Protein backbone atom coordinates (compact mmCIF):
# COMPACT_ATOMS: atom_id res chain seq x y z
CA MET A 1 151.19 61.75 -58.21
CA THR A 2 152.99 58.15 -58.29
CA ILE A 3 155.22 57.38 -55.28
CA GLN A 4 158.90 56.38 -56.97
CA ILE A 5 160.53 53.92 -54.82
CA GLY A 6 164.17 54.87 -54.78
CA THR A 7 164.56 57.73 -56.56
CA HIS A 8 164.62 60.70 -54.65
CA VAL A 9 168.14 60.60 -52.30
CA ARG A 10 170.76 62.44 -50.49
CA PRO A 11 174.09 61.87 -51.75
CA PRO A 12 176.42 60.81 -49.24
CA LYS A 13 179.35 63.28 -48.72
CA ASP A 14 182.09 60.33 -47.96
CA MET A 15 181.58 58.88 -51.32
CA PRO A 16 182.83 59.58 -54.88
CA ALA A 17 180.48 62.18 -56.40
CA ALA A 18 179.64 59.49 -59.00
CA HIS A 19 178.77 56.82 -56.70
CA GLY A 20 176.32 59.10 -54.70
CA GLU A 21 174.31 60.10 -57.83
CA VAL A 22 173.53 56.54 -58.28
CA PRO A 23 170.04 55.81 -56.73
CA VAL A 24 169.68 53.93 -53.93
CA TRP A 25 167.37 51.17 -53.45
CA ASN A 26 164.59 51.48 -51.15
CA ALA A 27 165.52 54.92 -49.76
CA GLU A 28 164.09 58.15 -50.91
CA ASN A 29 164.29 61.61 -49.88
CA TRP A 30 160.22 62.75 -49.58
CA TYR A 31 159.70 65.75 -47.50
CA TYR A 32 155.99 66.48 -46.38
CA GLU A 33 154.75 68.34 -49.26
CA ASP A 34 155.70 65.21 -50.99
CA PHE A 35 153.22 62.67 -49.45
CA GLU A 36 150.25 62.59 -51.60
CA ILE A 37 146.89 61.33 -49.50
CA GLY A 38 145.48 58.20 -51.55
CA ASP A 39 149.09 57.08 -52.82
CA ARG A 40 149.17 53.49 -52.72
CA LEU A 41 152.02 50.97 -53.19
CA ARG A 42 152.00 46.81 -52.95
CA SER A 43 154.88 44.81 -51.81
CA LEU A 44 156.05 42.02 -53.26
CA ARG A 45 154.29 38.71 -51.73
CA ARG A 46 156.35 36.72 -48.88
CA THR A 47 156.35 33.27 -47.98
CA ILE A 48 156.92 32.32 -44.18
CA SER A 49 158.95 29.05 -43.38
CA GLU A 50 159.20 26.93 -40.99
CA GLY A 51 162.71 27.65 -39.91
CA GLU A 52 162.54 31.37 -39.59
CA ALA A 53 159.26 31.15 -37.72
CA MET A 54 160.74 29.08 -35.18
CA GLN A 55 164.00 31.48 -35.35
CA PHE A 56 161.66 34.56 -34.30
CA ASN A 57 159.99 32.33 -32.02
CA THR A 58 163.12 31.86 -30.11
CA MET A 59 164.59 35.46 -30.80
CA VAL A 60 161.99 37.28 -29.24
CA MET A 61 161.05 34.41 -26.27
CA ASP A 62 157.65 34.18 -27.65
CA LEU A 63 157.23 29.89 -26.92
CA HIS A 64 153.07 29.94 -26.74
CA PRO A 65 152.15 26.57 -27.91
CA TYR A 66 150.36 27.95 -30.93
CA VAL A 67 153.60 28.88 -32.24
CA ALA A 68 156.24 26.60 -30.79
CA ASP A 69 154.61 23.30 -30.06
CA ALA A 70 153.40 21.42 -33.19
CA HIS A 71 151.83 18.75 -31.55
CA PHE A 72 149.68 20.83 -29.13
CA ALA A 73 148.82 23.08 -31.88
CA GLU A 74 147.54 19.84 -34.38
CA LYS A 75 145.95 18.06 -31.29
CA GLU A 76 144.63 20.67 -28.76
CA GLY A 77 144.62 24.12 -30.65
CA VAL A 78 141.69 25.83 -32.25
CA PHE A 79 143.30 26.01 -35.82
CA GLY A 80 144.61 22.74 -35.90
CA ARG A 81 148.35 23.79 -36.88
CA ARG A 82 151.13 26.18 -36.10
CA LEU A 83 150.43 30.18 -36.12
CA VAL A 84 152.97 32.72 -37.06
CA ALA A 85 153.31 34.68 -34.04
CA GLY A 86 151.28 38.29 -34.52
CA ALA A 87 154.31 40.13 -33.75
CA GLN A 88 155.97 38.36 -36.76
CA VAL A 89 153.53 38.99 -39.29
CA PHE A 90 153.32 43.08 -37.93
CA ALA A 91 157.26 43.16 -38.64
CA TYR A 92 157.24 41.10 -41.88
CA GLY A 93 154.04 43.07 -43.07
CA LEU A 94 155.36 46.46 -42.59
CA GLY A 95 158.64 45.75 -43.54
CA LEU A 96 157.28 44.78 -47.27
CA ALA A 97 156.13 47.89 -47.99
CA ALA A 98 158.57 50.09 -45.74
CA THR A 99 160.54 52.75 -47.54
CA ASN A 100 163.31 54.37 -46.05
CA CYS A 101 162.47 57.84 -46.26
CA LEU A 102 165.41 59.96 -44.88
CA ASN A 103 162.95 62.49 -43.58
CA SER A 104 160.61 60.68 -41.60
CA PHE A 105 160.90 59.03 -38.12
CA SER A 106 158.49 56.61 -36.68
CA TYR A 107 155.93 58.51 -34.11
CA GLY A 108 154.01 55.45 -33.40
CA TYR A 109 150.98 53.19 -34.55
CA ASP A 110 147.51 53.04 -34.08
CA ARG A 111 144.62 50.51 -34.74
CA LEU A 112 146.63 47.36 -34.89
CA ARG A 113 144.27 44.40 -35.45
CA PHE A 114 145.37 40.89 -35.91
CA ILE A 115 142.42 39.81 -38.29
CA LYS A 116 143.03 36.54 -39.48
CA PRO A 117 145.69 34.20 -38.23
CA VAL A 118 148.66 33.09 -40.26
CA PHE A 119 149.90 29.58 -40.38
CA ILE A 120 153.27 28.81 -41.39
CA GLY A 121 153.45 28.40 -44.96
CA ASP A 122 151.42 31.31 -45.69
CA THR A 123 152.22 34.03 -48.14
CA ILE A 124 151.82 37.92 -47.44
CA TYR A 125 151.99 41.15 -49.17
CA THR A 126 151.12 44.42 -48.26
CA ILE A 127 149.15 47.26 -49.39
CA ARG A 128 150.33 50.64 -48.02
CA GLU A 129 147.94 53.76 -48.30
CA ASN A 130 148.68 57.33 -47.29
CA LEU A 131 145.67 58.37 -45.13
CA SER A 132 146.27 62.26 -43.75
CA LYS A 133 148.93 64.51 -42.98
CA GLU A 134 148.67 67.62 -40.49
CA PRO A 135 151.37 69.92 -39.68
CA LYS A 136 152.53 69.28 -36.54
CA TYR A 137 155.79 71.13 -35.29
CA ASP A 138 157.78 73.84 -36.64
CA ASP A 139 160.35 71.43 -38.83
CA MET A 140 158.00 68.72 -39.52
CA GLY A 141 154.52 67.48 -40.07
CA LEU A 142 152.29 64.57 -38.93
CA VAL A 143 151.86 61.82 -41.76
CA ARG A 144 149.65 58.57 -41.37
CA VAL A 145 149.70 55.94 -43.50
CA SER A 146 147.92 52.42 -43.23
CA TYR A 147 149.50 48.67 -43.64
CA SER A 148 146.67 46.16 -44.86
CA VAL A 149 148.66 42.69 -44.83
CA PHE A 150 146.99 40.05 -46.87
CA LYS A 151 147.87 36.20 -47.35
CA GLY A 152 147.09 34.01 -50.03
CA GLU A 153 144.98 35.46 -53.08
CA GLY A 154 143.86 39.02 -50.69
CA GLU A 155 142.68 37.43 -47.56
CA GLN A 156 143.26 40.50 -45.43
CA VAL A 157 145.25 39.32 -42.10
CA LEU A 158 146.42 42.58 -40.16
CA TYR A 159 145.58 45.88 -40.44
CA CYS A 160 147.88 49.35 -38.79
CA GLU A 161 148.24 52.71 -39.05
CA HIS A 162 151.85 54.33 -38.96
CA LEU A 163 152.39 57.88 -37.68
CA MET A 164 155.18 59.33 -38.85
CA THR A 165 156.54 62.81 -38.28
CA VAL A 166 158.27 64.04 -41.74
CA LYS A 167 160.16 67.37 -42.38
CA TYR A 168 159.09 70.14 -44.43
CA GLN A 169 160.88 70.65 -47.31
CA GLN A 170 160.49 74.72 -46.64
CA ALA A 171 158.63 75.57 -43.21
CA SER A 172 155.68 77.75 -43.71
CA ALA A 173 154.39 80.68 -41.09
CA GLU A 174 151.07 78.72 -41.16
CA GLN A 175 152.85 75.64 -40.48
CA SER A 176 155.32 77.23 -37.85
CA GLN A 177 152.23 78.49 -35.58
CA VAL A 178 150.06 75.10 -36.35
CA GLY A 179 153.23 73.58 -35.19
CA ARG A 180 153.48 75.77 -31.90
CA LYS A 181 150.02 75.04 -31.02
CA ALA A 182 150.15 71.20 -31.77
CA GLY A 183 153.65 70.91 -29.90
CA GLU A 184 152.47 72.16 -26.57
CA GLY A 185 152.23 69.89 -24.09
CA ASP A 186 153.77 67.18 -26.30
CA SER A 187 156.58 64.85 -24.46
CA GLU A 188 159.21 62.73 -26.45
């Protein structure tokens, strides 16, 4: 199965039916059963500008000299120029390939690594891959996807794995049994 973005939607009840039938961009109605291991998608590319880097730094109060002080970064820094904050690379990298699946909920992130520096003016893109899935609760399974963020012509700068709980389309007795066992002791 090839992932189809923006084609599986749940029509809202509070708008004209003809409008609700129009697919919503980047919103899916995928269920646990729809996630196929190995499916991948690539995002558009995005260049990170000076203005947005400083706006992000100021907004999150990250004023470390490597991201906010050009004089320091150029004269005393290891890389000879300002970096884009790692939190911004993470947010942008995931945002580029994230989907708005109506049936999934973020459970957490694993294996986050900042592999190479990203500089102001660099262009990034993301490849997302479905890695695994397993029954978790009576009504939801756990899906693990990876996000690999690249800059330029393919230099990897970030890797992480996103865990999501995803609703079953129809919970089976087997999933329900596993869900009860897996859910024991979990606190959310």
